[in-house]
Amino acid sequence: MQRYISLMRLTSKGLAELADSGSRRKVSEDRVAALGGRSVAFYATLGIYDFVQVFEMPDNASMMQYVLTARRDGFVDPLILPAFDSQTYGDIVGRVSPAQ
């Protein structure tokens, strides 16, 4: 499974319907599961992003399908970052040629 980090900002629609954000989070997790993934962690944050969510998804296509659906709903504007665990990162670094 591939990991992704989503940095989300509430849209004006999301702010206007803030009281329903808990139920929307459940809908989000159900959609992720239906695509073969899972929500690993979810945090409300201070700063320019309102939420951070970590996902495991089978592939980029599944993540793209999820993101397009979430954006169409209009409650959040997500920034999706592919994430690599330390083992995978170490493997990648090991394949990088030394600087010349």
PDB file of N, CA and C in Angstrom:
ATOM      1  N   MET A   1       0.844  -1.186   0.000  1.00  0.00           N
ATOM      2  CA  MET A   1       0.000   0.000   0.000  1.00  0.00           C
ATOM      3  C   MET A   1       0.881   1.238   0.000  1.00  0.00           C
ATOM      4  N   GLN A   2       0.452   2.215  -0.725  1.00  0.00           N
ATOM      5  CA  GLN A   2       1.158   3.488  -0.774  1.00  0.00           C
ATOM      6  C   GLN A   2       0.554   4.431   0.262  1.00  0.00           C
ATOM      7  N   ARG A   3       1.395   5.280   0.822  1.00  0.00           N
ATOM      8  CA  ARG A   3       0.925   6.252   1.810  1.00  0.00           C
ATOM      9  C   ARG A   3       0.856   7.643   1.189  1.00  0.00           C
ATOM     10  N   TYR A   4      -0.119   8.384   1.666  1.00  0.00           N
ATOM     11  CA  TYR A   4      -0.328   9.759   1.210  1.00  0.00           C
ATOM     12  C   TYR A   4      -0.668  10.615   2.423  1.00  0.00           C
ATOM     13  N   ILE A   5      -0.205  11.846   2.391  1.00  0.00           N
ATOM     14  CA  ILE A   5      -0.564  12.828   3.404  1.00  0.00           C
ATOM     15  C   ILE A   5      -1.424  13.878   2.715  1.00  0.00           C
ATOM     16  N   SER A   6      -2.553  14.161   3.312  1.00  0.00           N
ATOM     17  CA  SER A   6      -3.451  15.184   2.782  1.00  0.00           C
ATOM     18  C   SER A   6      -3.468  16.367   3.741  1.00  0.00           C
ATOM     19  N   LEU A   7      -3.100  17.539   3.224  1.00  0.00           N
ATOM     20  CA  LEU A   7      -3.213  18.784   3.970  1.00  0.00           C
ATOM     21  C   LEU A   7      -4.472  19.471   3.454  1.00  0.00           C
ATOM     22  N   MET A   8      -5.428  19.709   4.347  1.00  0.00           N
ATOM     23  CA  MET A   8      -6.729  20.203   3.893  1.00  0.00           C
ATOM     24  C   MET A   8      -7.076  21.550   4.509  1.00  0.00           C
ATOM     25  N   ARG A   9      -7.644  22.381   3.674  1.00  0.00           N
ATOM     26  CA  ARG A   9      -8.193  23.663   4.119  1.00  0.00           C
ATOM     27  C   ARG A   9      -9.700  23.618   3.909  1.00  0.00           C
ATOM     28  N   LEU A  10     -10.432  24.058   4.912  1.00  0.00           N
ATOM     29  CA  LEU A  10     -11.878  24.156   4.757  1.00  0.00           C
ATOM     30  C   LEU A  10     -12.219  25.223   3.723  1.00  0.00           C
ATOM     31  N   THR A  11     -13.158  24.931   2.874  1.00  0.00           N
ATOM     32  CA  THR A  11     -13.667  25.928   1.936  1.00  0.00           C
ATOM     33  C   THR A  11     -14.737  26.745   2.656  1.00  0.00           C
ATOM     34  N   SER A  12     -15.266  27.752   1.997  1.00  0.00           N
ATOM     35  CA  SER A  12     -16.354  28.529   2.606  1.00  0.00           C
ATOM     36  C   SER A  12     -17.560  27.625   2.874  1.00  0.00           C
ATOM     37  N   LYS A  13     -17.810  26.662   1.992  1.00  0.00           N
ATOM     38  CA  LYS A  13     -18.901  25.704   2.207  1.00  0.00           C
ATOM     39  C   LYS A  13     -18.618  24.842   3.436  1.00  0.00           C
ATOM     40  N   GLY A  14     -17.367  24.396   3.585  1.00  0.00           N
ATOM     41  CA  GLY A  14     -16.987  23.591   4.737  1.00  0.00           C
ATOM     42  C   GLY A  14     -17.128  24.362   6.044  1.00  0.00           C
ATOM     43  N   LEU A  15     -16.770  25.640   6.011  1.00  0.00           N
ATOM     44  CA  LEU A  15     -16.920  26.478   7.207  1.00  0.00           C
ATOM     45  C   LEU A  15     -18.386  26.731   7.534  1.00  0.00           C
ATOM     46  N   ALA A  16     -19.193  26.946   6.507  1.00  0.00           N
ATOM     47  CA  ALA A  16     -20.615  27.209   6.716  1.00  0.00           C
ATOM     48  C   ALA A  16     -21.325  25.994   7.305  1.00  0.00           C
ATOM     49  N   GLU A  17     -20.815  24.798   6.981  1.00  0.00           N
ATOM     50  CA  GLU A  17     -21.436  23.565   7.470  1.00  0.00           C
ATOM     51  C   GLU A  17     -20.502  22.836   8.434  1.00  0.00           C
ATOM     52  N   LEU A  18     -19.803  23.594   9.251  1.00  0.00           N
ATOM     53  CA  LEU A  18     -18.806  23.068  10.172  1.00  0.00           C
ATOM     54  C   LEU A  18     -19.377  22.032  11.141  1.00  0.00           C
ATOM     55  N   ALA A  19     -20.592  22.232  11.592  1.00  0.00           N
ATOM     56  CA  ALA A  19     -21.195  21.311  12.564  1.00  0.00           C
ATOM     57  C   ALA A  19     -21.313  19.887  12.028  1.00  0.00           C
ATOM     58  N   ASP A  20     -21.357  19.725  10.714  1.00  0.00           N
ATOM     59  CA  ASP A  20     -21.493  18.395  10.109  1.00  0.00           C
ATOM     60  C   ASP A  20     -20.143  17.753   9.779  1.00  0.00           C
ATOM     61  N   SER A  21     -19.039  18.388  10.174  1.00  0.00           N
ATOM     62  CA  SER A  21     -17.726  17.878   9.756  1.00  0.00           C
ATOM     63  C   SER A  21     -17.432  16.488  10.300  1.00  0.00           C
ATOM     64  N   GLY A  22     -17.946  16.139  11.471  1.00  0.00           N
ATOM     65  CA  GLY A  22     -17.736  14.793  12.011  1.00  0.00           C
ATOM     66  C   GLY A  22     -18.358  13.716  11.151  1.00  0.00           C
ATOM     67  N   SER A  23     -19.567  13.949  10.683  1.00  0.00           N
ATOM     68  CA  SER A  23     -20.225  12.957   9.822  1.00  0.00           C
ATOM     69  C   SER A  23     -19.558  12.897   8.454  1.00  0.00           C
ATOM     70  N   ARG A  24     -19.033  14.029   7.982  1.00  0.00           N
ATOM     71  CA  ARG A  24     -18.321  14.011   6.692  1.00  0.00           C
ATOM     72  C   ARG A  24     -17.030  13.221   6.800  1.00  0.00           C
ATOM     73  N   ARG A  25     -16.380  13.270   7.950  1.00  0.00           N
ATOM     74  CA  ARG A  25     -15.162  12.480   8.146  1.00  0.00           C
ATOM     75  C   ARG A  25     -15.476  10.995   8.045  1.00  0.00           C
ATOM     76  N   LYS A  26     -16.593  10.554   8.594  1.00  0.00           N
ATOM     77  CA  LYS A  26     -17.015   9.152   8.496  1.00  0.00           C
ATOM     78  C   LYS A  26     -17.267   8.780   7.041  1.00  0.00           C
ATOM     79  N   VAL A  27     -17.919   9.645   6.302  1.00  0.00           N
ATOM     80  CA  VAL A  27     -18.156   9.412   4.873  1.00  0.00           C
ATOM     81  C   VAL A  27     -16.818   9.267   4.155  1.00  0.00           C
ATOM     82  N   SER A  28     -15.869  10.125   4.483  1.00  0.00           N
ATOM     83  CA  SER A  28     -14.535  10.077   3.884  1.00  0.00           C
ATOM     84  C   SER A  28     -13.872   8.728   4.144  1.00  0.00           C
ATOM     85  N   GLU A  29     -13.895   8.283   5.390  1.00  0.00           N
ATOM     86  CA  GLU A  29     -13.261   7.009   5.731  1.00  0.00           C
ATOM     87  C   GLU A  29     -13.940   5.841   5.025  1.00  0.00           C
ATOM     88  N   ASP A  30     -15.258   5.888   4.882  1.00  0.00           N
ATOM     89  CA  ASP A  30     -15.984   4.838   4.156  1.00  0.00           C
ATOM     90  C   ASP A  30     -15.598   4.829   2.676  1.00  0.00           C
ATOM     91  N   ARG A  31     -15.437   6.003   2.082  1.00  0.00           N
ATOM     92  CA  ARG A  31     -15.032   6.081   0.675  1.00  0.00           C
ATOM     93  C   ARG A  31     -13.630   5.508   0.479  1.00  0.00           C
ATOM     94  N   VAL A  32     -12.735   5.837   1.392  1.00  0.00           N
ATOM     95  CA  VAL A  32     -11.364   5.314   1.314  1.00  0.00           C
ATOM     96  C   VAL A  32     -11.393   3.789   1.396  1.00  0.00           C
ATOM     97  N   ALA A  33     -12.161   3.252   2.330  1.00  0.00           N
ATOM     98  CA  ALA A  33     -12.259   1.794   2.491  1.00  0.00           C
ATOM     99  C   ALA A  33     -12.837   1.136   1.241  1.00  0.00           C
ATOM    100  N   ALA A  34     -13.826   1.763   0.630  1.00  0.00           N
ATOM    101  CA  ALA A  34     -14.440   1.214  -0.584  1.00  0.00           C
ATOM    102  C   ALA A  34     -13.445   1.144  -1.738  1.00  0.00           C
ATOM    103  N   LEU A  35     -12.415   1.987  -1.691  1.00  0.00           N
ATOM    104  CA  LEU A  35     -11.381   1.984  -2.729  1.00  0.00           C
ATOM    105  C   LEU A  35     -10.202   1.089  -2.360  1.00  0.00           C
ATOM    106  N   GLY A  36     -10.336   0.353  -1.256  1.00  0.00           N
ATOM    107  CA  GLY A  36      -9.287  -0.575  -0.853  1.00  0.00           C
ATOM    108  C   GLY A  36      -8.226   0.032   0.039  1.00  0.00           C
ATOM    109  N   GLY A  37      -8.479   1.232   0.554  1.00  0.00           N
ATOM    110  CA  GLY A  37      -7.493   1.900   1.394  1.00  0.00           C
ATOM    111  C   GLY A  37      -7.959   2.020   2.826  1.00  0.00           C
ATOM    112  N   ARG A  38      -7.219   2.797   3.586  1.00  0.00           N
ATOM    113  CA  ARG A  38      -7.635   3.084   4.960  1.00  0.00           C
ATOM    114  C   ARG A  38      -7.064   4.425   5.401  1.00  0.00           C
ATOM    115  N   SER A  39      -7.782   5.041   6.323  1.00  0.00           N
ATOM    116  CA  SER A  39      -7.322   6.269   6.938  1.00  0.00           C
ATOM    117  C   SER A  39      -6.470   5.861   8.138  1.00  0.00           C
ATOM    118  N   VAL A  40      -5.201   6.239   8.124  1.00  0.00           N
ATOM    119  CA  VAL A  40      -4.267   5.863   9.180  1.00  0.00           C
ATOM    120  C   VAL A  40      -4.357   6.827  10.360  1.00  0.00           C
ATOM    121  N   ALA A  41      -4.491   8.112  10.070  1.00  0.00           N
ATOM    122  CA  ALA A  41      -4.540   9.125  11.128  1.00  0.00           C
ATOM    123  C   ALA A  41      -5.251  10.367  10.604  1.00  0.00           C
ATOM    124  N   PHE A  42      -5.855  11.093  11.523  1.00  0.00           N
ATOM    125  CA  PHE A  42      -6.541  12.345  11.192  1.00  0.00           C
ATOM    126  C   PHE A  42      -6.302  13.327  12.328  1.00  0.00           C
ATOM    127  N   TYR A  43      -5.913  14.539  11.980  1.00  0.00           N
ATOM    128  CA  TYR A  43      -5.642  15.573  12.977  1.00  0.00           C
ATOM    129  C   TYR A  43      -6.251  16.898  12.532  1.00  0.00           C
ATOM    130  N   ALA A  44      -6.836  17.617  13.473  1.00  0.00           N
ATOM    131  CA  ALA A  44      -7.194  19.017  13.263  1.00  0.00           C
ATOM    132  C   ALA A  44      -5.952  19.814  13.650  1.00  0.00           C
ATOM    133  N   THR A  45      -5.621  20.829  12.860  1.00  0.00           N
ATOM    134  CA  THR A  45      -4.374  21.552  13.076  1.00  0.00           C
ATOM    135  C   THR A  45      -4.596  23.057  13.103  1.00  0.00           C
ATOM    136  N   LEU A  46      -3.622  23.743  13.655  1.00  0.00           N
ATOM    137  CA  LEU A  46      -3.572  25.196  13.629  1.00  0.00           C
ATOM    138  C   LEU A  46      -2.673  25.606  12.475  1.00  0.00           C
ATOM    139  N   GLY A  47      -2.876  26.779  11.935  1.00  0.00           N
ATOM    140  CA  GLY A  47      -2.041  27.249  10.842  1.00  0.00           C
ATOM    141  C   GLY A  47      -2.847  27.360   9.564  1.00  0.00           C
ATOM    142  N   ILE A  48      -2.167  27.313   8.420  1.00  0.00           N
ATOM    143  CA  ILE A  48      -2.870  27.524   7.148  1.00  0.00           C
ATOM    144  C   ILE A  48      -3.689  26.312   6.720  1.00  0.00           C
ATOM    145  N   TYR A  49      -3.407  25.139   7.293  1.00  0.00           N
ATOM    146  CA  TYR A  49      -4.215  23.953   7.000  1.00  0.00           C
ATOM    147  C   TYR A  49      -5.059  23.616   8.215  1.00  0.00           C
ATOM    148  N   ASP A  50      -6.293  23.228   7.973  1.00  0.00           N
ATOM    149  CA  ASP A  50      -7.227  22.914   9.053  1.00  0.00           C
ATOM    150  C   ASP A  50      -7.128  21.462   9.512  1.00  0.00           C
ATOM    151  N   PHE A  51      -6.750  20.576   8.582  1.00  0.00           N
ATOM    152  CA  PHE A  51      -6.679  19.152   8.893  1.00  0.00           C
ATOM    153  C   PHE A  51      -5.489  18.516   8.187  1.00  0.00           C
ATOM    154  N   VAL A  52      -4.988  17.463   8.798  1.00  0.00           N
ATOM    155  CA  VAL A  52      -3.987  16.601   8.176  1.00  0.00           C
ATOM    156  C   VAL A  52      -4.521  15.179   8.292  1.00  0.00           C
ATOM    157  N   GLN A  53      -4.495  14.464   7.182  1.00  0.00           N
ATOM    158  CA  GLN A  53      -4.939  13.070   7.191  1.00  0.00           C
ATOM    159  C   GLN A  53      -3.898  12.223   6.487  1.00  0.00           C
ATOM    160  N   VAL A  54      -3.621  11.066   7.046  1.00  0.00           N
ATOM    161  CA  VAL A  54      -2.685  10.117   6.448  1.00  0.00           C
ATOM    162  C   VAL A  54      -3.502   8.937   5.939  1.00  0.00           C
ATOM    163  N   PHE A  55      -3.262   8.585   4.683  1.00  0.00           N
ATOM    164  CA  PHE A  55      -3.977   7.487   4.036  1.00  0.00           C
ATOM    165  C   PHE A  55      -3.013   6.395   3.609  1.00  0.00           C
ATOM    166  N   GLU A  56      -3.515   5.175   3.539  1.00  0.00           N
ATOM    167  CA  GLU A  56      -2.879   4.106   2.785  1.00  0.00           C
ATOM    168  C   GLU A  56      -3.849   3.766   1.673  1.00  0.00           C
ATOM    169  N   MET A  57      -3.368   3.799   0.436  1.00  0.00           N
ATOM    170  CA  MET A  57      -4.201   3.494  -0.720  1.00  0.00           C
ATOM    171  C   MET A  57      -3.457   2.505  -1.612  1.00  0.00           C
ATOM    172  N   PRO A  58      -4.186   1.696  -2.372  1.00  0.00           N
ATOM    173  CA  PRO A  58      -3.525   0.704  -3.221  1.00  0.00           C
ATOM    174  C   PRO A  58      -2.632   1.314  -4.301  1.00  0.00           C
ATOM    175  N   ASP A  59      -3.022   2.482  -4.832  1.00  0.00           N
ATOM    176  CA  ASP A  59      -2.259   3.065  -5.938  1.00  0.00           C
ATOM    177  C   ASP A  59      -2.679   4.515  -6.164  1.00  0.00           C
ATOM    178  N   ASN A  60      -1.965   5.177  -7.069  1.00  0.00           N
ATOM    179  CA  ASN A  60      -2.260   6.581  -7.375  1.00  0.00           C
ATOM    180  C   ASN A  60      -3.658   6.764  -7.948  1.00  0.00           C
ATOM    181  N   ALA A  61      -4.111   5.822  -8.756  1.00  0.00           N
ATOM    182  CA  ALA A  61      -5.442   5.950  -9.366  1.00  0.00           C
ATOM    183  C   ALA A  61      -6.529   5.959  -8.290  1.00  0.00           C
ATOM    184  N   SER A  62      -6.400   5.109  -7.284  1.00  0.00           N
ATOM    185  CA  SER A  62      -7.377   5.089  -6.194  1.00  0.00           C
ATOM    186  C   SER A  62      -7.363   6.403  -5.431  1.00  0.00           C
ATOM    187  N   MET A  63      -6.168   6.919  -5.178  1.00  0.00           N
ATOM    188  CA  MET A  63      -6.060   8.193  -4.464  1.00  0.00           C
ATOM    189  C   MET A  63      -6.666   9.320  -5.282  1.00  0.00           C
ATOM    190  N   MET A  64      -6.395   9.324  -6.581  1.00  0.00           N
ATOM    191  CA  MET A  64      -6.958  10.361  -7.454  1.00  0.00           C
ATOM    192  C   MET A  64      -8.479  10.300  -7.455  1.00  0.00           C
ATOM    193  N   GLN A  65      -9.046   9.108  -7.509  1.00  0.00           N
ATOM    194  CA  GLN A  65     -10.501   8.968  -7.490  1.00  0.00           C
ATOM    195  C   GLN A  65     -11.070   9.538  -6.185  1.00  0.00           C
ATOM    196  N   TYR A  66     -10.417   9.213  -5.078  1.00  0.00           N
ATOM    197  CA  TYR A  66     -10.866   9.742  -3.790  1.00  0.00           C
ATOM    198  C   TYR A  66     -10.793  11.271  -3.763  1.00  0.00           C
ATOM    199  N   VAL A  67      -9.669  11.811  -4.197  1.00  0.00           N
ATOM    200  CA  VAL A  67      -9.468  13.268  -4.147  1.00  0.00           C
ATOM    201  C   VAL A  67     -10.473  13.997  -5.030  1.00  0.00           C
ATOM    202  N   LEU A  68     -10.707  13.485  -6.217  1.00  0.00           N
ATOM    203  CA  LEU A  68     -11.679  14.146  -7.105  1.00  0.00           C
ATOM    204  C   LEU A  68     -13.069  14.146  -6.494  1.00  0.00           C
ATOM    205  N   THR A  69     -13.437  13.041  -5.844  1.00  0.00           N
ATOM    206  CA  THR A  69     -14.742  12.974  -5.190  1.00  0.00           C
ATOM    207  C   THR A  69     -14.813  13.977  -4.043  1.00  0.00           C
ATOM    208  N   ALA A  70     -13.748  14.039  -3.243  1.00  0.00           N
ATOM    209  CA  ALA A  70     -13.729  14.983  -2.118  1.00  0.00           C
ATOM    210  C   ALA A  70     -13.792  16.423  -2.607  1.00  0.00           C
ATOM    211  N   ARG A  71     -13.050  16.722  -3.668  1.00  0.00           N
ATOM    212  CA  ARG A  71     -13.069  18.097  -4.192  1.00  0.00           C
ATOM    213  C   ARG A  71     -14.437  18.434  -4.764  1.00  0.00           C
ATOM    214  N   ARG A  72     -15.071  17.482  -5.420  1.00  0.00           N
ATOM    215  CA  ARG A  72     -16.405  17.718  -5.980  1.00  0.00           C
ATOM    216  C   ARG A  72     -17.405  18.042  -4.876  1.00  0.00           C
ATOM    217  N   ASP A  73     -17.258  17.394  -3.714  1.00  0.00           N
ATOM    218  CA  ASP A  73     -18.157  17.674  -2.582  1.00  0.00           C
ATOM    219  C   ASP A  73     -18.040  19.123  -2.123  1.00  0.00           C
ATOM    220  N   GLY A  74     -16.835  19.685  -2.215  1.00  0.00           N
ATOM    221  CA  GLY A  74     -16.648  21.109  -1.978  1.00  0.00           C
ATOM    222  C   GLY A  74     -16.437  21.564  -0.545  1.00  0.00           C
ATOM    223  N   PHE A  75     -16.192  20.648   0.393  1.00  0.00           N
ATOM    224  CA  PHE A  75     -16.011  21.047   1.786  1.00  0.00           C
ATOM    225  C   PHE A  75     -14.558  21.364   2.129  1.00  0.00           C
ATOM    226  N   VAL A  76     -13.623  20.707   1.432  1.00  0.00           N
ATOM    227  CA  VAL A  76     -12.198  20.936   1.679  1.00  0.00           C
ATOM    228  C   VAL A  76     -11.461  21.078   0.357  1.00  0.00           C
ATOM    229  N   ASP A  77     -10.340  21.775   0.443  1.00  0.00           N
ATOM    230  CA  ASP A  77      -9.422  21.876  -0.689  1.00  0.00           C
ATOM    231  C   ASP A  77      -8.146  21.156  -0.251  1.00  0.00           C
ATOM    232  N   PRO A  78      -7.910  19.920  -0.760  1.00  0.00           N
ATOM    233  CA  PRO A  78      -6.780  19.142  -0.273  1.00  0.00           C
ATOM    234  C   PRO A  78      -5.513  19.334  -1.110  1.00  0.00           C
ATOM    235  N   LEU A  79      -4.393  19.221  -0.435  1.00  0.00           N
ATOM    236  CA  LEU A  79      -3.088  19.123  -1.078  1.00  0.00           C
ATOM    237  C   LEU A  79      -2.584  17.727  -0.740  1.00  0.00           C
ATOM    238  N   ILE A  80      -2.353  16.886  -1.752  1.00  0.00           N
ATOM    239  CA  ILE A  80      -1.974  15.495  -1.532  1.00  0.00           C
ATOM    240  C   ILE A  80      -0.476  15.323  -1.754  1.00  0.00           C
ATOM    241  N   LEU A  81       0.172  14.718  -0.774  1.00  0.00           N
ATOM    242  CA  LEU A  81       1.609  14.463  -0.840  1.00  0.00           C
ATOM    243  C   LEU A  81       1.862  12.963  -0.738  1.00  0.00           C
ATOM    244  N   PRO A  82       2.483  12.351  -1.765  1.00  0.00           N
ATOM    245  CA  PRO A  82       2.900  10.961  -1.598  1.00  0.00           C
ATOM    246  C   PRO A  82       3.933  10.912  -0.474  1.00  0.00           C
ATOM    247  N   ALA A  83       3.882   9.872   0.350  1.00  0.00           N
ATOM    248  CA  ALA A  83       4.792   9.773   1.491  1.00  0.00           C
ATOM    249  C   ALA A  83       5.552   8.445   1.436  1.00  0.00           C
ATOM    250  N   PHE A  84       6.795   8.483   1.878  1.00  0.00           N
ATOM    251  CA  PHE A  84       7.669   7.305   1.877  1.00  0.00           C
ATOM    252  C   PHE A  84       8.146   7.038   3.294  1.00  0.00           C
ATOM    253  N   ASP A  85       7.998   5.801   3.767  1.00  0.00           N
ATOM    254  CA  ASP A  85       8.510   5.479   5.095  1.00  0.00           C
ATOM    255  C   ASP A  85      10.034   5.461   5.062  1.00  0.00           C
ATOM    256  N   SER A  86      10.648   5.381   6.223  1.00  0.00           N
ATOM    257  CA  SER A  86      12.108   5.507   6.296  1.00  0.00           C
ATOM    258  C   SER A  86      12.825   4.382   5.548  1.00  0.00           C
ATOM    259  N   GLN A  87      12.271   3.187   5.556  1.00  0.00           N
ATOM    260  CA  GLN A  87      12.893   2.075   4.828  1.00  0.00           C
ATOM    261  C   GLN A  87      12.879   2.337   3.322  1.00  0.00           C
ATOM    262  N   THR A  88      11.749   2.719   2.794  1.00  0.00           N
ATOM    263  CA  THR A  88      11.640   3.006   1.365  1.00  0.00           C
ATOM    264  C   THR A  88      12.530   4.178   0.977  1.00  0.00           C
ATOM    265  N   TYR A  89      12.531   5.219   1.805  1.00  0.00           N
ATOM    266  CA  TYR A  89      13.392   6.371   1.540  1.00  0.00           C
ATOM    267  C   TYR A  89      14.860   5.944   1.519  1.00  0.00           C
ATOM    268  N   GLY A  90      15.258   5.139   2.470  1.00  0.00           N
ATOM    269  CA  GLY A  90      16.635   4.648   2.509  1.00  0.00           C
ATOM    270  C   GLY A  90      16.994   3.849   1.270  1.00  0.00           C
ATOM    271  N   ASP A  91      16.068   3.024   0.796  1.00  0.00           N
ATOM    272  CA  ASP A  91      16.297   2.257  -0.431  1.00  0.00           C
ATOM    273  C   ASP A  91      16.480   3.186  -1.624  1.00  0.00           C
ATOM    274  N   ILE A  92      15.678   4.225  -1.698  1.00  0.00           N
ATOM    275  CA  ILE A  92      15.771   5.184  -2.802  1.00  0.00           C
ATOM    276  C   ILE A  92      17.112   5.915  -2.735  1.00  0.00           C
ATOM    277  N   VAL A  93      17.480   6.381  -1.546  1.00  0.00           N
ATOM    278  CA  VAL A  93      18.750   7.087  -1.381  1.00  0.00           C
ATOM    279  C   VAL A  93      19.912   6.189  -1.797  1.00  0.00           C
ATOM    280  N   GLY A  94      19.820   4.916  -1.480  1.00  0.00           N
ATOM    281  CA  GLY A  94      20.875   3.973  -1.842  1.00  0.00           C
ATOM    282  C   GLY A  94      21.046   3.816  -3.351  1.00  0.00           C
ATOM    283  N   ARG A  95      20.033   4.137  -4.118  1.00  0.00           N
ATOM    284  CA  ARG A  95      20.097   4.029  -5.572  1.00  0.00           C
ATOM    285  C   ARG A  95      20.554   5.325  -6.251  1.00  0.00           C
ATOM    286  N   VAL A  96      20.666   6.395  -5.470  1.00  0.00           N
ATOM    287  CA  VAL A  96      21.083   7.680  -6.016  1.00  0.00           C
ATOM    288  C   VAL A  96      22.587   7.661  -6.206  1.00  0.00           C
ATOM    289  N   SER A  97      23.030   8.026  -7.394  1.00  0.00           N
ATOM    290  CA  SER A  97      24.481   8.082  -7.685  1.00  0.00           C
ATOM    291  C   SER A  97      25.126   9.192  -6.891  1.00  0.00           C
ATOM    292  N   PRO A  98      26.364   8.971  -6.441  1.00  0.00           N
ATOM    293  CA  PRO A  98      27.067  10.050  -5.738  1.00  0.00           C
ATOM    294  C   PRO A  98      27.240  11.265  -6.640  1.00  0.00           C
ATOM    295  N   ALA A  99      27.249  12.448  -6.019  1.00  0.00           N
ATOM    296  CA  ALA A  99      27.460  13.679  -6.766  1.00  0.00           C
ATOM    297  C   ALA A  99      28.859  13.679  -7.363  1.00  0.00           C
ATOM    298  N   GLN A 100      28.983  14.236  -8.541  1.00  0.00           N
ATOM    299  CA  GLN A 100      30.307  14.271  -9.204  1.00  0.00           C
ATOM    300  C   GLN A 100      30.842  15.654  -9.264  1.00  0.00           C
TER     301      GLN A 100
END
